[in-house]
Amino acid sequence: SAGMDLKGFLAGEPRLVEGRGFAGFTEAPPAKPLIAAVEGYALAGGFEVALACDLIVASREATFGLPEVQRGLIAGSGGLLRLPLRIPPQVALEHALTGEPIDAPTAERWGLVNRLTEPGQALAGALELAERIARNAPLAVRATKAIVGGRPNRLEPEAWTHQNAVLEQVLSSQDAHEGAQAFVEKREPQWSGA
């Protein structure tokens, strides 16, 4: 998944589910454990969806990244809040500032990916992991998720309020529209800084 539809963004289409965020759960994940199965690219909003999941199973050929800065945008659906909690903060910052991708073996080495599979087997690997979790008591699983996952301060409502205010400024900028337009037109963007 490559996340937000840049053509839809230019047309003014809504990008969030009210009260739940991008994809309907990035701001308010459910109590049940979520497992992302990643084959191919999980970029921008696609990576933010994976980061909103509790566990990630990925093909050895998967690629992760937050390339928003390359389009004059920011990863405003939790990517900038969650990535530094999942990998070393300096590494997260480098990738967020450069927009450069992270290959699956590197993501596993940093602890971002729980399990690597052969290409085409990520879904099967995620289902096998889900079956192992589902064998356990649902209440205990939900409580364990709540305790282990906790609610780090960066993911509290105040953090979302601050992030969303900054995000709205970025989304209404000339650079955001230029980045999306350049992507649609398959050309290099011409940044104005506004």
Protein backbone atom coordinates (compact mmCIF):
# COMPACT_ATOMS: atom_id res chain seq x y z
CA SER A 1 0.00 0.00 0.00
CA ALA A 2 1.25 3.43 -0.85
CA GLY A 3 -1.19 5.23 1.44
CA MET A 4 -3.03 8.42 0.59
CA ASP A 5 -4.34 8.81 -2.95
CA LEU A 6 -2.49 11.94 -4.12
CA LYS A 7 -4.98 12.49 -6.95
CA GLY A 8 -7.78 12.31 -4.35
CA PHE A 9 -5.85 14.73 -2.12
CA LEU A 10 -5.62 17.23 -4.99
CA ALA A 11 -9.37 16.80 -5.58
CA GLY A 12 -10.11 17.49 -1.89
CA GLU A 13 -11.34 13.99 -1.05
CA PRO A 14 -11.49 13.08 2.68
CA ARG A 15 -8.53 11.05 3.94
CA LEU A 16 -9.65 10.15 7.48
CA VAL A 17 -12.43 8.24 9.22
CA GLU A 18 -13.79 10.68 11.81
CA GLY A 19 -12.47 9.88 15.28
CA ARG A 20 -10.49 6.86 14.09
CA GLY A 21 -7.92 8.30 11.67
CA PHE A 22 -6.46 7.05 8.42
CA ALA A 23 -7.73 3.59 7.37
CA GLY A 24 -10.21 3.74 10.24
CA PHE A 25 -7.78 2.78 13.00
CA THR A 26 -4.46 4.68 13.02
CA GLU A 27 -5.64 7.01 15.79
CA ALA A 28 -7.80 4.51 17.66
CA PRO A 29 -6.61 0.92 17.19
CA PRO A 30 -8.96 -1.80 18.49
CA ALA A 31 -8.35 -3.76 21.71
CA LYS A 32 -7.71 -6.93 19.68
CA PRO A 33 -4.17 -7.51 18.41
CA LEU A 34 -3.65 -6.50 14.80
CA ILE A 35 -1.10 -8.22 12.57
CA ALA A 36 0.09 -6.62 9.35
CA ALA A 37 1.03 -8.95 6.49
CA VAL A 38 3.34 -7.04 4.16
CA GLU A 39 4.27 -8.10 0.64
CA GLY A 40 5.93 -5.56 -1.62
CA TYR A 41 5.72 -1.91 -0.65
CA ALA A 42 4.32 -0.42 2.58
CA LEU A 43 5.00 3.24 1.97
CA ALA A 44 3.59 6.45 3.43
CA GLY A 45 0.08 5.74 4.72
CA GLY A 46 0.61 2.06 3.96
CA PHE A 47 3.54 2.01 6.36
CA GLU A 48 1.53 4.02 8.90
CA VAL A 49 -1.19 1.35 8.75
CA ALA A 50 1.47 -1.34 9.37
CA LEU A 51 2.90 0.71 12.26
CA ALA A 52 -0.59 0.98 13.78
CA CYS A 53 -0.66 -2.82 13.91
CA ASP A 54 0.79 -4.64 16.90
CA LEU A 55 2.86 -7.15 14.94
CA ILE A 56 4.28 -7.20 11.43
CA VAL A 57 4.97 -10.27 9.30
CA ALA A 58 6.73 -9.38 6.04
CA SER A 59 8.12 -10.97 2.95
CA ARG A 60 11.90 -10.79 2.68
CA GLU A 61 11.29 -8.59 -0.36
CA ALA A 62 9.03 -6.07 1.43
CA THR A 63 9.98 -2.40 1.59
CA PHE A 64 8.88 0.13 4.21
CA GLY A 65 9.13 3.89 4.20
CA LEU A 66 7.79 7.34 4.95
CA PRO A 67 8.52 9.24 1.72
CA GLU A 68 6.09 12.09 2.50
CA VAL A 69 8.84 14.75 2.77
CA GLN A 70 9.70 14.01 -0.87
CA ARG A 71 6.17 15.22 -1.76
CA GLY A 72 6.04 18.21 0.57
CA LEU A 73 3.97 16.29 3.12
CA ILE A 74 4.49 14.72 6.54
CA ALA A 75 3.58 11.26 7.81
CA GLY A 76 0.57 12.55 9.73
CA SER A 77 -1.27 9.32 10.42
CA GLY A 78 0.97 8.22 13.26
CA GLY A 79 4.15 7.33 11.37
CA LEU A 80 6.18 10.11 12.96
CA LEU A 81 4.78 9.22 16.37
CA ARG A 82 5.14 5.43 16.16
CA LEU A 83 8.32 4.80 14.17
CA PRO A 84 10.66 6.21 16.89
CA LEU A 85 8.95 3.91 19.39
CA ARG A 86 9.62 0.86 17.22
CA ILE A 87 13.20 1.44 16.02
CA PRO A 88 16.07 3.58 17.33
CA PRO A 89 14.86 7.21 17.31
CA GLN A 90 17.89 8.46 15.36
CA VAL A 91 17.32 5.84 12.67
CA ALA A 92 13.62 6.73 12.57
CA LEU A 93 14.47 10.42 12.22
CA GLU A 94 16.92 9.77 9.39
CA HIS A 95 14.34 7.82 7.40
CA ALA A 96 11.57 10.33 8.14
CA LEU A 97 13.79 13.27 7.08
CA THR A 98 15.19 11.64 3.93
CA GLY A 99 12.15 9.64 2.87
CA GLU A 100 14.49 6.74 2.07
CA PRO A 101 13.06 3.21 2.30
CA ILE A 102 13.85 0.43 4.77
CA ASP A 103 14.22 -3.10 3.38
CA ALA A 104 12.58 -5.99 5.24
CA PRO A 105 15.77 -7.65 6.54
CA THR A 106 16.90 -4.33 8.03
CA ALA A 107 13.44 -3.76 9.51
CA GLU A 108 13.61 -7.19 11.13
CA ARG A 109 17.10 -6.50 12.50
CA TRP A 110 15.78 -3.31 14.17
CA GLY A 111 12.81 -5.21 15.63
CA LEU A 112 10.21 -3.51 13.45
CA VAL A 113 9.26 -6.77 11.72
CA ASN A 114 8.42 -9.76 13.91
CA ARG A 115 8.85 -12.43 11.25
CA LEU A 116 10.21 -12.62 7.74
CA THR A 117 8.73 -15.02 5.20
CA GLU A 118 9.56 -16.06 1.71
CA PRO A 119 7.88 -13.93 -0.99
CA GLY A 120 4.18 -14.64 -1.24
CA GLN A 121 4.00 -16.12 2.28
CA ALA A 122 3.46 -13.03 4.50
CA LEU A 123 -0.29 -13.56 4.79
CA ALA A 124 0.17 -17.24 5.66
CA GLY A 125 2.78 -16.27 8.25
CA ALA A 126 0.48 -13.62 9.73
CA LEU A 127 -2.43 -16.08 9.87
CA GLU A 128 -0.26 -18.70 11.59
CA LEU A 129 0.77 -16.12 14.20
CA ALA A 130 -2.86 -15.00 14.61
CA GLU A 131 -3.93 -18.63 15.17
CA ARG A 132 -1.31 -19.01 17.92
CA ILE A 133 -2.58 -15.84 19.61
CA ALA A 134 -6.23 -16.86 19.15
CA ARG A 135 -5.62 -20.07 21.13
CA ASN A 136 -5.29 -17.91 24.25
CA ALA A 137 -7.98 -16.34 26.43
CA PRO A 138 -9.42 -13.26 24.67
CA LEU A 139 -9.64 -11.15 27.83
CA ALA A 140 -6.04 -12.00 28.76
CA VAL A 141 -4.86 -11.24 25.22
CA ARG A 142 -6.60 -7.82 25.23
CA ALA A 143 -5.25 -7.01 28.69
CA THR A 144 -1.74 -8.09 27.71
CA LYS A 145 -1.88 -5.90 24.62
CA ALA A 146 -3.04 -2.94 26.72
CA ILE A 147 -0.27 -3.38 29.28
CA VAL A 148 2.62 -4.17 26.94
CA GLY A 149 1.56 -1.68 24.30
CA GLY A 150 0.59 0.88 26.86
CA ARG A 151 -0.03 4.38 25.74
CA PRO A 152 3.33 6.12 25.40
CA ASN A 153 2.92 9.85 25.86
CA ARG A 154 3.61 10.45 22.18
CA LEU A 155 0.39 8.64 21.30
CA GLU A 156 -1.87 10.37 23.84
CA PRO A 157 -4.69 12.61 22.55
CA GLU A 158 -2.57 15.73 23.11
CA ALA A 159 0.11 14.37 20.79
CA TRP A 160 -2.51 13.72 18.10
CA THR A 161 -3.99 17.20 18.56
CA HIS A 162 -0.58 18.80 18.10
CA GLN A 163 0.32 16.58 15.16
CA ASN A 164 -3.02 17.15 13.44
CA ALA A 165 -2.69 20.93 13.74
CA VAL A 166 0.75 20.78 12.10
CA LEU A 167 -0.53 18.32 9.51
CA GLU A 168 -3.37 20.63 8.45
CA GLN A 169 -0.87 23.44 7.91
CA VAL A 170 1.27 21.16 5.76
CA LEU A 171 -1.69 19.76 3.78
CA SER A 172 -2.86 23.26 2.90
CA SER A 173 0.61 24.36 1.76
CA GLN A 174 1.64 25.07 -1.81
CA ASP A 175 4.44 22.52 -1.45
CA ALA A 176 1.99 19.73 -0.56
CA HIS A 177 -0.04 20.42 -3.68
CA GLU A 178 3.11 20.77 -5.78
CA GLY A 179 4.45 17.45 -4.47
CA ALA A 180 1.21 15.64 -5.24
CA GLN A 181 0.90 17.33 -8.65
CA ALA A 182 4.50 16.45 -9.54
CA PHE A 183 3.85 12.84 -8.56
CA VAL A 184 0.70 12.70 -10.70
CA GLU A 185 2.55 14.35 -13.63
CA LYS A 186 5.61 12.09 -13.13
CA ARG A 187 8.07 14.98 -12.78
CA GLU A 188 10.39 16.38 -10.14
CA PRO A 189 8.66 18.82 -7.74
CA GLN A 190 9.57 22.51 -7.68
CA TRP A 191 9.40 23.49 -4.00
CA SER A 192 8.42 27.03 -3.01
CA GLY A 193 8.81 26.69 0.76
CA ALA A 194 5.22 27.81 1.22
